Amino acid sequence: MLACLKDRVSDGDAAAGVETLLMVVGAGRGPLVRASLRAADRCDPPRRLRVFAVEKNPNAVVTLQSLVESEGWGDRVTVVASDMRTWDAGRDLHSSTFRLNVGTFYGTRRVVSGTSSV
């Protein structure tokens, strides 16, 4: 994520305050959200990052909302309680914890193809 942010936003744009939007689909309990924010802060100069954490599991949504509050991410993270395949939002980057392997290829392909409109 660090390399991606550095590649996507030049140092000059970062210094000018250009904001990158990231949609973490299937955000779960937030490991990619946390890692993305940490990477943005570690860049020199730091990158402004706005994260949409999309999650359909209501228990994980509660955890994400608690993280936003306890970590002070309110101005950087928006929790979206929705299925990623039905939430309609065009964004710059997409990140997901879904992993492709032989055993789950068909299911993963269906999930990824369902996000092609975003």
Protein backbone atom coordinates (compact mmCIF):
# COMPACT_ATOMS: atom_id res chain seq x y z
CA MET A 1 0.00 0.00 0.00
CA LEU A 2 2.86 2.37 0.81
CA ALA A 3 4.40 1.91 -2.65
CA CYS A 4 1.00 2.28 -4.32
CA LEU A 5 0.29 5.57 -2.56
CA LYS A 6 3.75 6.92 -3.40
CA ASP A 7 3.28 5.90 -7.03
CA ARG A 8 -0.26 7.24 -7.31
CA VAL A 9 0.30 10.63 -5.65
CA SER A 10 3.46 12.60 -6.39
CA ASP A 11 5.31 14.34 -3.57
CA GLY A 12 4.23 17.68 -5.02
CA ASP A 13 0.56 16.68 -5.10
CA ALA A 14 0.82 15.29 -1.56
CA ALA A 15 2.31 18.58 -0.35
CA ALA A 16 -0.55 20.40 -2.07
CA GLY A 17 -3.08 18.29 -0.15
CA VAL A 18 -4.40 16.07 -2.95
CA GLU A 19 -6.67 13.41 -1.43
CA THR A 20 -6.82 9.79 -2.59
CA LEU A 21 -10.05 7.85 -2.17
CA LEU A 22 -9.81 4.16 -1.29
CA MET A 23 -12.65 1.68 -1.09
CA VAL A 24 -11.83 -1.38 1.01
CA VAL A 25 -14.45 -3.92 0.01
CA GLY A 26 -15.08 -6.73 2.44
CA ALA A 27 -13.35 -4.64 5.11
CA GLY A 28 -14.05 -7.16 7.88
CA ARG A 29 -12.78 -5.88 11.20
CA GLY A 30 -10.44 -3.38 9.59
CA PRO A 31 -6.90 -4.78 9.05
CA LEU A 32 -6.58 -3.27 5.56
CA VAL A 33 -8.16 -0.01 6.71
CA ARG A 34 -5.61 0.27 9.51
CA ALA A 35 -2.70 -0.71 7.24
CA SER A 36 -3.78 1.77 4.55
CA LEU A 37 -4.00 4.67 6.99
CA ARG A 38 -0.64 3.71 8.49
CA ALA A 39 0.93 3.60 5.01
CA ALA A 40 -0.50 7.03 4.14
CA ASP A 41 0.98 8.47 7.34
CA ARG A 42 4.38 6.85 6.70
CA CYS A 43 4.79 8.48 3.29
CA ASP A 44 7.05 11.53 3.13
CA PRO A 45 5.25 13.84 2.71
CA PRO A 46 2.19 12.08 4.17
CA ARG A 47 -0.62 11.30 1.71
CA ARG A 48 -4.19 12.39 2.43
CA LEU A 49 -6.32 9.27 2.31
CA ARG A 50 -10.10 8.97 2.53
CA VAL A 51 -11.27 5.38 3.10
CA PHE A 52 -14.68 3.84 2.48
CA ALA A 53 -14.81 0.57 4.45
CA VAL A 54 -17.56 -1.51 2.86
CA GLU A 55 -18.75 -4.48 4.90
CA LYS A 56 -21.97 -6.50 4.93
CA ASN A 57 -21.43 -8.45 8.18
CA PRO A 58 -23.29 -6.48 10.88
CA ASN A 59 -20.93 -7.64 13.64
CA ALA A 60 -17.89 -6.48 11.67
CA VAL A 61 -19.64 -3.17 10.94
CA VAL A 62 -20.01 -2.56 14.68
CA THR A 63 -16.31 -3.31 15.16
CA LEU A 64 -15.36 -0.94 12.32
CA GLN A 65 -17.54 1.82 13.76
CA SER A 66 -15.91 1.33 17.16
CA LEU A 67 -12.45 1.54 15.56
CA VAL A 68 -13.36 4.77 13.79
CA GLU A 69 -14.37 6.25 17.12
CA SER A 70 -11.55 4.87 19.29
CA GLU A 71 -8.77 5.57 16.76
CA GLY A 72 -10.04 9.04 15.84
CA TRP A 73 -10.55 8.16 12.16
CA GLY A 74 -13.83 10.05 11.83
CA ASP A 75 -12.49 12.49 9.25
CA ARG A 76 -10.71 9.75 7.25
CA VAL A 77 -12.90 6.62 7.31
CA THR A 78 -16.54 6.12 6.36
CA VAL A 79 -18.06 2.77 7.28
CA VAL A 80 -20.56 1.57 4.68
CA ALA A 81 -22.86 -1.21 5.92
CA SER A 82 -23.62 -2.79 2.56
CA ASP A 83 -22.81 -5.66 0.25
CA MET A 84 -19.93 -4.56 -1.99
CA ARG A 85 -21.70 -5.99 -5.04
CA THR A 86 -24.67 -3.65 -4.62
CA TRP A 87 -23.05 -0.46 -3.30
CA ASP A 88 -22.61 1.93 -6.21
CA ALA A 89 -19.63 4.26 -5.86
CA GLY A 90 -16.81 5.07 -8.26
CA ARG A 91 -13.47 5.34 -6.44
CA ASP A 92 -9.74 5.56 -7.19
CA LEU A 93 -8.41 2.36 -5.62
CA HIS A 94 -9.92 -0.95 -4.58
CA SER A 95 -8.54 -3.26 -1.95
CA SER A 96 -9.94 -6.52 -0.68
CA THR A 97 -8.97 -9.30 1.67
CA PHE A 98 -10.35 -11.87 -0.77
CA ARG A 99 -7.64 -14.31 -1.83
CA LEU A 100 -7.60 -16.34 -4.99
CA ASN A 101 -6.73 -19.99 -4.74
CA VAL A 102 -7.71 -23.09 -6.64
CA GLY A 103 -10.30 -24.19 -4.09
CA THR A 104 -12.24 -20.92 -4.17
CA PHE A 105 -11.61 -19.74 -7.73
CA TYR A 106 -15.24 -19.87 -8.85
CA GLY A 107 -16.60 -18.03 -5.81
CA THR A 108 -13.87 -15.41 -5.90
CA ARG A 109 -14.43 -14.80 -9.59
CA ARG A 110 -18.11 -14.16 -8.92
CA VAL A 111 -17.32 -11.69 -6.13
CA VAL A 112 -14.72 -9.79 -8.15
CA SER A 113 -16.92 -9.64 -11.24
CA GLY A 114 -19.68 -8.23 -9.06
CA THR A 115 -17.47 -5.24 -8.23
CA SER A 116 -16.54 -4.43 -11.81
CA SER A 117 -19.00 -1.54 -11.96
CA VAL A 118 -17.22 0.27 -9.13
